[in-house]
Amino acid sequence: MFILFKNKKINLNNHIVDRIEAGIELKGFEIKSITKANANIDQAFVIFKKDEAWIINMYVAPYSLAANVKIDPNRNRKLLLHKNEIIKLQTRIKKERLAIIPSIVYKHNDLIKVEICLCKSKNKSDKREDIKKRDAQREIRQYND
């Protein structure tokens, strides 16, 4: 597994409940752009339309050598999941009031995969506690060095 890029804000804003691996449907030039890490999933999320999972707001920069191809860099991309996985996700989202957010895009056996997380959003007090813990760990590391 070779990590191409991450959603760095996912742990700050959300409690991660579960992680799932999914494939993603891409065009050829998008694959080349993603392997060069010219993409971003910080604002991306997953929705369901007609029993299919779609990733929204995933930015993939246009590949420089594919000049004659004009496709929207923020277009919706289909996630490749089994039907029973989609049904389980949909029922779990409705029951537990969760959101699905992509956390990591990586390369696995020459395939581009996305790790999606079932998340529950944090409130301000939870975020403040996490920041205090992070700062305390930082101070401990600085003291030990």
N, C-alpha and C. Protein backbone atom coordinates (compact mmCIF):
# COMPACT_ATOMS: atom_id res chain seq x y z
N MET A 1 0.84 -1.17 0.00
CA MET A 1 0.00 0.00 0.00
C MET A 1 0.90 1.24 0.00
N PHE A 2 0.66 2.12 -0.95
CA PHE A 2 1.42 3.36 -1.09
C PHE A 2 0.44 4.52 -1.00
N ILE A 3 0.51 5.29 0.09
CA ILE A 3 -0.42 6.39 0.32
C ILE A 3 -0.08 7.55 -0.61
N LEU A 4 -1.07 8.01 -1.37
CA LEU A 4 -0.88 9.12 -2.30
C LEU A 4 -1.19 10.45 -1.63
N PHE A 5 -2.32 10.54 -0.93
CA PHE A 5 -2.67 11.74 -0.17
C PHE A 5 -3.73 11.41 0.86
N LYS A 6 -3.85 12.31 1.88
CA LYS A 6 -4.76 12.10 3.01
C LYS A 6 -5.67 13.30 3.21
N ASN A 7 -6.73 13.07 3.93
CA ASN A 7 -7.58 14.13 4.45
C ASN A 7 -7.07 14.43 5.85
N LYS A 8 -6.33 15.52 6.00
CA LYS A 8 -5.65 15.81 7.26
C LYS A 8 -6.58 16.30 8.35
N LYS A 9 -7.75 16.79 7.99
CA LYS A 9 -8.66 17.38 8.98
C LYS A 9 -9.70 16.40 9.52
N ILE A 10 -9.67 15.17 9.05
CA ILE A 10 -10.73 14.22 9.42
C ILE A 10 -10.71 13.90 10.91
N ASN A 11 -9.54 13.75 11.51
CA ASN A 11 -9.47 13.42 12.94
C ASN A 11 -9.78 14.62 13.82
N LEU A 12 -9.56 15.81 13.34
CA LEU A 12 -9.85 17.02 14.11
C LEU A 12 -11.34 17.26 14.23
N ASN A 13 -12.07 17.03 13.15
CA ASN A 13 -13.50 17.37 13.12
C ASN A 13 -14.45 16.21 13.39
N ASN A 14 -13.94 14.96 13.43
CA ASN A 14 -14.84 13.81 13.49
C ASN A 14 -14.30 12.71 14.39
N HIS A 15 -15.24 11.94 14.97
CA HIS A 15 -14.90 10.67 15.62
C HIS A 15 -15.07 9.59 14.55
N ILE A 16 -14.03 8.82 14.30
CA ILE A 16 -14.12 7.77 13.29
C ILE A 16 -14.69 6.52 13.93
N VAL A 17 -15.81 6.03 13.37
CA VAL A 17 -16.49 4.87 13.89
C VAL A 17 -16.02 3.60 13.18
N ASP A 18 -15.87 3.66 11.86
CA ASP A 18 -15.48 2.49 11.08
C ASP A 18 -14.77 2.93 9.81
N ARG A 19 -13.93 2.05 9.25
CA ARG A 19 -13.20 2.34 8.01
C ARG A 19 -13.52 1.25 6.98
N ILE A 20 -13.68 1.66 5.72
CA ILE A 20 -14.01 0.73 4.65
C ILE A 20 -13.17 1.07 3.43
N GLU A 21 -12.68 0.04 2.74
CA GLU A 21 -11.91 0.23 1.50
C GLU A 21 -12.86 0.17 0.31
N ALA A 22 -12.67 1.10 -0.62
CA ALA A 22 -13.51 1.14 -1.82
C ALA A 22 -12.65 1.48 -3.03
N GLY A 23 -13.05 0.96 -4.16
CA GLY A 23 -12.42 1.36 -5.41
C GLY A 23 -13.07 2.65 -5.89
N ILE A 24 -12.45 3.26 -6.89
CA ILE A 24 -13.00 4.50 -7.42
C ILE A 24 -12.91 4.46 -8.94
N GLU A 25 -13.97 4.92 -9.61
CA GLU A 25 -14.01 4.91 -11.06
C GLU A 25 -13.37 6.20 -11.58
N LEU A 26 -12.26 6.05 -12.31
CA LEU A 26 -11.51 7.21 -12.80
C LEU A 26 -11.23 7.07 -14.29
N LYS A 27 -10.95 8.20 -14.93
CA LYS A 27 -10.49 8.23 -16.31
C LYS A 27 -8.97 8.03 -16.31
N GLY A 28 -8.40 7.69 -17.44
CA GLY A 28 -6.97 7.40 -17.54
C GLY A 28 -6.08 8.55 -17.11
N PHE A 29 -6.39 9.76 -17.58
CA PHE A 29 -5.57 10.91 -17.23
C PHE A 29 -5.74 11.29 -15.76
N GLU A 30 -6.90 10.97 -15.16
CA GLU A 30 -7.09 11.24 -13.74
C GLU A 30 -6.19 10.35 -12.89
N ILE A 31 -6.00 9.12 -13.32
CA ILE A 31 -5.12 8.20 -12.61
C ILE A 31 -3.69 8.74 -12.61
N LYS A 32 -3.25 9.25 -13.75
CA LYS A 32 -1.89 9.80 -13.83
C LYS A 32 -1.76 11.02 -12.93
N SER A 33 -2.78 11.86 -12.88
CA SER A 33 -2.74 13.04 -12.04
C SER A 33 -2.75 12.66 -10.56
N ILE A 34 -3.53 11.67 -10.18
CA ILE A 34 -3.60 11.23 -8.79
C ILE A 34 -2.29 10.59 -8.35
N THR A 35 -1.67 9.81 -9.21
CA THR A 35 -0.40 9.18 -8.83
C THR A 35 0.70 10.21 -8.62
N LYS A 36 0.55 11.39 -9.21
CA LYS A 36 1.51 12.48 -8.96
C LYS A 36 1.05 13.36 -7.81
N ALA A 37 0.03 12.91 -7.07
CA ALA A 37 -0.52 13.60 -5.89
C ALA A 37 -1.05 14.99 -6.23
N ASN A 38 -1.66 15.13 -7.41
CA ASN A 38 -2.29 16.39 -7.81
C ASN A 38 -3.79 16.31 -7.58
N ALA A 39 -4.16 15.99 -6.35
CA ALA A 39 -5.58 15.86 -6.01
C ALA A 39 -5.78 16.26 -4.55
N ASN A 40 -7.05 16.40 -4.17
CA ASN A 40 -7.36 16.85 -2.83
C ASN A 40 -8.72 16.28 -2.41
N ILE A 41 -8.79 15.77 -1.18
CA ILE A 41 -10.07 15.24 -0.66
C ILE A 41 -10.48 15.91 0.64
N ASP A 42 -9.92 17.07 0.95
CA ASP A 42 -10.22 17.75 2.21
C ASP A 42 -11.70 18.14 2.33
N GLN A 43 -12.35 18.49 1.24
CA GLN A 43 -13.75 18.90 1.27
C GLN A 43 -14.69 17.82 0.75
N ALA A 44 -14.18 16.62 0.51
CA ALA A 44 -14.96 15.56 -0.12
C ALA A 44 -15.85 14.83 0.88
N PHE A 45 -16.94 14.26 0.37
CA PHE A 45 -17.85 13.43 1.16
C PHE A 45 -18.54 12.45 0.23
N VAL A 46 -19.24 11.48 0.80
CA VAL A 46 -19.88 10.42 0.02
C VAL A 46 -21.39 10.51 0.19
N ILE A 47 -22.11 10.36 -0.94
CA ILE A 47 -23.57 10.30 -0.91
C ILE A 47 -24.02 9.08 -1.70
N PHE A 48 -25.30 8.76 -1.57
CA PHE A 48 -25.89 7.64 -2.29
C PHE A 48 -26.96 8.14 -3.23
N LYS A 49 -26.89 7.69 -4.50
CA LYS A 49 -27.90 8.00 -5.50
C LYS A 49 -28.26 6.70 -6.21
N LYS A 50 -29.53 6.34 -6.18
CA LYS A 50 -30.02 5.15 -6.88
C LYS A 50 -29.19 3.91 -6.54
N ASP A 51 -28.98 3.66 -5.28
CA ASP A 51 -28.22 2.51 -4.78
C ASP A 51 -26.79 2.44 -5.32
N GLU A 52 -26.19 3.60 -5.53
CA GLU A 52 -24.79 3.69 -5.91
C GLU A 52 -24.13 4.73 -5.00
N ALA A 53 -22.87 4.51 -4.68
CA ALA A 53 -22.13 5.45 -3.83
C ALA A 53 -21.31 6.38 -4.73
N TRP A 54 -21.36 7.67 -4.42
CA TRP A 54 -20.65 8.69 -5.20
C TRP A 54 -19.82 9.54 -4.27
N ILE A 55 -18.60 9.87 -4.70
CA ILE A 55 -17.75 10.77 -3.95
C ILE A 55 -17.90 12.16 -4.57
N ILE A 56 -18.21 13.13 -3.73
CA ILE A 56 -18.50 14.50 -4.16
C ILE A 56 -17.37 15.41 -3.69
N ASN A 57 -17.05 16.43 -4.49
CA ASN A 57 -16.03 17.44 -4.17
C ASN A 57 -14.61 16.91 -4.09
N MET A 58 -14.31 15.82 -4.73
CA MET A 58 -12.93 15.35 -4.80
C MET A 58 -12.28 16.07 -5.97
N TYR A 59 -11.25 16.85 -5.68
CA TYR A 59 -10.58 17.63 -6.72
C TYR A 59 -9.42 16.83 -7.29
N VAL A 60 -9.42 16.66 -8.61
CA VAL A 60 -8.31 16.03 -9.33
C VAL A 60 -7.86 17.03 -10.38
N ALA A 61 -6.63 17.51 -10.23
CA ALA A 61 -6.11 18.51 -11.16
C ALA A 61 -6.01 17.93 -12.56
N PRO A 62 -6.25 18.74 -13.58
CA PRO A 62 -6.11 18.25 -14.95
C PRO A 62 -4.65 17.85 -15.22
N TYR A 63 -4.50 16.73 -15.90
CA TYR A 63 -3.16 16.23 -16.22
C TYR A 63 -2.57 17.11 -17.32
N SER A 64 -1.37 17.58 -17.12
CA SER A 64 -0.77 18.58 -18.01
C SER A 64 -0.56 18.07 -19.44
N LEU A 65 -0.30 16.78 -19.60
CA LEU A 65 -0.05 16.25 -20.95
C LEU A 65 -1.33 15.86 -21.69
N ALA A 66 -2.47 15.91 -21.03
CA ALA A 66 -3.75 15.62 -21.66
C ALA A 66 -4.45 16.94 -21.96
N ALA A 67 -3.88 17.73 -22.82
CA ALA A 67 -4.36 19.08 -23.07
C ALA A 67 -5.71 19.13 -23.79
N ASN A 68 -6.00 18.15 -24.65
CA ASN A 68 -7.23 18.20 -25.45
C ASN A 68 -8.44 17.61 -24.72
N VAL A 69 -8.27 17.10 -23.51
CA VAL A 69 -9.38 16.52 -22.75
C VAL A 69 -9.89 17.56 -21.76
N LYS A 70 -11.18 17.87 -21.84
CA LYS A 70 -11.79 18.87 -20.95
C LYS A 70 -12.83 18.19 -20.07
N ILE A 71 -12.47 17.95 -18.80
CA ILE A 71 -13.40 17.36 -17.84
C ILE A 71 -13.31 18.17 -16.55
N ASP A 72 -14.45 18.35 -15.91
CA ASP A 72 -14.51 19.11 -14.67
C ASP A 72 -13.65 18.44 -13.59
N PRO A 73 -12.70 19.16 -12.98
CA PRO A 73 -11.84 18.55 -11.96
C PRO A 73 -12.58 18.19 -10.68
N ASN A 74 -13.76 18.78 -10.45
CA ASN A 74 -14.55 18.47 -9.25
C ASN A 74 -15.75 17.57 -9.54
N ARG A 75 -15.72 16.86 -10.64
CA ARG A 75 -16.87 16.04 -11.01
C ARG A 75 -17.11 14.93 -9.99
N ASN A 76 -18.34 14.43 -9.96
CA ASN A 76 -18.69 13.34 -9.06
C ASN A 76 -18.11 12.05 -9.61
N ARG A 77 -17.52 11.25 -8.72
CA ARG A 77 -16.90 9.99 -9.14
C ARG A 77 -17.57 8.84 -8.40
N LYS A 78 -17.80 7.75 -9.11
CA LYS A 78 -18.50 6.61 -8.55
C LYS A 78 -17.54 5.76 -7.72
N LEU A 79 -18.00 5.35 -6.53
CA LEU A 79 -17.23 4.44 -5.70
C LEU A 79 -17.64 3.01 -6.03
N LEU A 80 -16.68 2.13 -6.08
CA LEU A 80 -16.93 0.75 -6.44
C LEU A 80 -17.07 -0.09 -5.18
N LEU A 81 -18.31 -0.36 -4.82
CA LEU A 81 -18.64 -1.16 -3.64
C LEU A 81 -19.66 -2.22 -4.04
N HIS A 82 -19.70 -3.32 -3.32
CA HIS A 82 -20.71 -4.34 -3.55
C HIS A 82 -22.07 -3.84 -3.10
N LYS A 83 -23.11 -4.37 -3.69
CA LYS A 83 -24.48 -3.94 -3.39
C LYS A 83 -24.81 -4.11 -1.90
N ASN A 84 -24.40 -5.26 -1.32
CA ASN A 84 -24.71 -5.48 0.09
C ASN A 84 -23.93 -4.53 1.00
N GLU A 85 -22.73 -4.12 0.61
CA GLU A 85 -21.98 -3.12 1.38
C GLU A 85 -22.70 -1.78 1.36
N ILE A 86 -23.22 -1.40 0.20
CA ILE A 86 -23.94 -0.13 0.07
C ILE A 86 -25.19 -0.14 0.95
N ILE A 87 -25.92 -1.25 0.95
CA ILE A 87 -27.14 -1.35 1.75
C ILE A 87 -26.81 -1.26 3.24
N LYS A 88 -25.73 -1.95 3.67
CA LYS A 88 -25.32 -1.89 5.08
C LYS A 88 -24.94 -0.46 5.47
N LEU A 89 -24.21 0.21 4.59
CA LEU A 89 -23.80 1.59 4.87
C LEU A 89 -25.01 2.52 4.99
N GLN A 90 -25.95 2.38 4.05
CA GLN A 90 -27.13 3.24 4.07
C GLN A 90 -27.95 3.05 5.35
N THR A 91 -28.14 1.80 5.77
CA THR A 91 -28.93 1.57 6.98
C THR A 91 -28.18 2.06 8.22
N ARG A 92 -26.88 1.89 8.24
CA ARG A 92 -26.09 2.34 9.39
C ARG A 92 -26.07 3.87 9.51
N ILE A 93 -26.01 4.54 8.36
CA ILE A 93 -26.02 6.01 8.35
C ILE A 93 -27.34 6.53 8.90
N LYS A 94 -28.45 5.92 8.49
CA LYS A 94 -29.76 6.37 8.96
C LYS A 94 -29.96 6.08 10.45
N LYS A 95 -29.51 4.90 10.91
CA LYS A 95 -29.68 4.53 12.31
C LYS A 95 -28.84 5.38 13.24
N GLU A 96 -27.55 5.48 12.94
CA GLU A 96 -26.60 6.12 13.86
C GLU A 96 -26.31 7.58 13.54
N ARG A 97 -26.93 8.11 12.49
CA ARG A 97 -26.74 9.51 12.06
C ARG A 97 -25.26 9.82 11.84
N LEU A 98 -24.67 9.08 10.92
CA LEU A 98 -23.25 9.22 10.60
C LEU A 98 -23.06 9.88 9.25
N ALA A 99 -21.83 10.30 8.99
CA ALA A 99 -21.44 10.83 7.68
C ALA A 99 -20.33 9.92 7.14
N ILE A 100 -20.21 9.88 5.83
CA ILE A 100 -19.13 9.11 5.21
C ILE A 100 -18.17 10.09 4.57
N ILE A 101 -16.91 10.02 5.00
CA ILE A 101 -15.89 10.95 4.53
C ILE A 101 -14.67 10.15 4.08
N PRO A 102 -14.12 10.47 2.90
CA PRO A 102 -12.89 9.78 2.47
C PRO A 102 -11.69 10.27 3.29
N SER A 103 -10.85 9.34 3.72
CA SER A 103 -9.71 9.73 4.56
C SER A 103 -8.37 9.57 3.85
N ILE A 104 -8.20 8.51 3.07
CA ILE A 104 -6.92 8.25 2.41
C ILE A 104 -7.18 7.77 0.99
N VAL A 105 -6.35 8.24 0.07
CA VAL A 105 -6.33 7.69 -1.29
C VAL A 105 -4.96 7.04 -1.44
N TYR A 106 -4.96 5.78 -1.84
CA TYR A 106 -3.70 5.05 -1.93
C TYR A 106 -3.69 4.11 -3.12
N LYS A 107 -2.50 3.62 -3.43
CA LYS A 107 -2.31 2.69 -4.54
C LYS A 107 -2.07 1.30 -3.95
N HIS A 108 -2.84 0.32 -4.41
CA HIS A 108 -2.73 -1.05 -3.93
C HIS A 108 -2.77 -1.99 -5.14
N ASN A 109 -1.68 -2.66 -5.41
CA ASN A 109 -1.59 -3.56 -6.57
C ASN A 109 -1.98 -2.86 -7.88
N ASP A 110 -1.41 -1.68 -8.12
CA ASP A 110 -1.66 -0.87 -9.31
C ASP A 110 -3.11 -0.42 -9.47
N LEU A 111 -3.88 -0.43 -8.39
CA LEU A 111 -5.24 0.09 -8.39
C LEU A 111 -5.31 1.26 -7.42
N ILE A 112 -6.11 2.26 -7.76
CA ILE A 112 -6.32 3.39 -6.87
C ILE A 112 -7.50 3.05 -5.96
N LYS A 113 -7.26 3.10 -4.66
CA LYS A 113 -8.29 2.78 -3.67
C LYS A 113 -8.53 4.00 -2.78
N VAL A 114 -9.72 4.05 -2.19
CA VAL A 114 -10.08 5.11 -1.26
C VAL A 114 -10.52 4.46 0.04
N GLU A 115 -9.99 4.95 1.15
CA GLU A 115 -10.47 4.50 2.45
C GLU A 115 -11.51 5.50 2.90
N ILE A 116 -12.75 5.03 3.05
CA ILE A 116 -13.82 5.90 3.51
C ILE A 116 -14.12 5.58 4.97
N CYS A 117 -14.46 6.60 5.72
CA CYS A 117 -14.70 6.45 7.15
C CYS A 117 -16.13 6.83 7.49
N LEU A 118 -16.75 6.02 8.33
CA LEU A 118 -18.03 6.38 8.93
C LEU A 118 -17.69 7.25 10.12
N CYS A 119 -18.20 8.47 10.13
CA CYS A 119 -17.80 9.45 11.14
C CYS A 119 -19.00 10.08 11.83
N LYS A 120 -18.75 10.44 13.06
CA LYS A 120 -19.70 11.24 13.83
C LYS A 120 -18.99 12.55 14.15
N SER A 121 -19.63 13.67 13.87
CA SER A 121 -18.94 14.96 14.04
C SER A 121 -18.74 15.29 15.51
N LYS A 122 -17.62 15.98 15.78
CA LYS A 122 -17.28 16.39 17.14
C LYS A 122 -17.90 17.76 17.42
N ASN A 123 -18.19 18.01 18.69
CA ASN A 123 -18.60 19.35 19.08
C ASN A 123 -17.36 20.12 19.55
N LYS A 124 -17.52 21.38 19.85
CA LYS A 124 -16.36 22.24 20.17
C LYS A 124 -15.58 21.76 21.38
N SER A 125 -16.26 21.28 22.41
CA SER A 125 -15.54 20.86 23.61
C SER A 125 -14.66 19.64 23.32
N ASP A 126 -15.13 18.72 22.47
CA ASP A 126 -14.31 17.57 22.09
C ASP A 126 -13.07 18.01 21.33
N LYS A 127 -13.24 18.99 20.45
CA LYS A 127 -12.10 19.49 19.68
C LYS A 127 -11.08 20.14 20.60
N ARG A 128 -11.56 20.89 21.58
CA ARG A 128 -10.65 21.56 22.52
C ARG A 128 -9.86 20.54 23.34
N GLU A 129 -10.51 19.47 23.78
CA GLU A 129 -9.82 18.41 24.52
C GLU A 129 -8.74 17.75 23.67
N ASP A 130 -9.06 17.49 22.41
CA ASP A 130 -8.07 16.88 21.52
C ASP A 130 -6.87 17.80 21.32
N ILE A 131 -7.11 19.09 21.21
CA ILE A 131 -6.02 20.05 21.03
C ILE A 131 -5.15 20.08 22.29
N LYS A 132 -5.77 20.04 23.48
CA LYS A 132 -5.01 20.01 24.72
C LYS A 132 -4.14 18.77 24.81
N LYS A 133 -4.69 17.61 24.45
CA LYS A 133 -3.92 16.36 24.47
C LYS A 133 -2.74 16.43 23.51
N ARG A 134 -3.01 16.94 22.32
CA ARG A 134 -1.94 17.06 21.31
C ARG A 134 -0.83 17.98 21.80
N ASP A 135 -1.19 19.11 22.40
CA ASP A 135 -0.19 20.05 22.91
C ASP A 135 0.61 19.43 24.05
N ALA A 136 -0.06 18.67 24.93
CA ALA A 136 0.64 18.02 26.04
C ALA A 136 1.63 16.98 25.52
N GLN A 137 1.23 16.21 24.51
CA GLN A 137 2.14 15.23 23.92
C GLN A 137 3.33 15.92 23.26
N ARG A 138 3.09 17.04 22.64
CA ARG A 138 4.15 17.82 22.00
C ARG A 138 5.17 18.30 23.04
N GLU A 139 4.67 18.79 24.18
CA GLU A 139 5.55 19.25 25.24
C GLU A 139 6.38 18.11 25.83
N ILE A 140 5.76 16.95 25.99
CA ILE A 140 6.48 15.78 26.50
C ILE A 140 7.60 15.38 25.55
N ARG A 141 7.31 15.37 24.26
CA ARG A 141 8.34 15.03 23.25
C ARG A 141 9.48 16.05 23.27
N GLN A 142 9.16 17.32 23.39
CA GLN A 142 10.19 18.35 23.44
C GLN A 142 11.03 18.23 24.69
N TYR A 143 10.41 17.88 25.82
CA TYR A 143 11.14 17.72 27.07
C TYR A 143 12.08 16.52 27.01
N ASN A 144 11.63 15.42 26.36
CA ASN A 144 12.46 14.21 26.26
C ASN A 144 13.60 14.36 25.27
N ASP A 145 13.46 15.24 24.29
CA ASP A 145 14.53 15.40 23.27
C ASP A 145 15.67 16.20 23.73
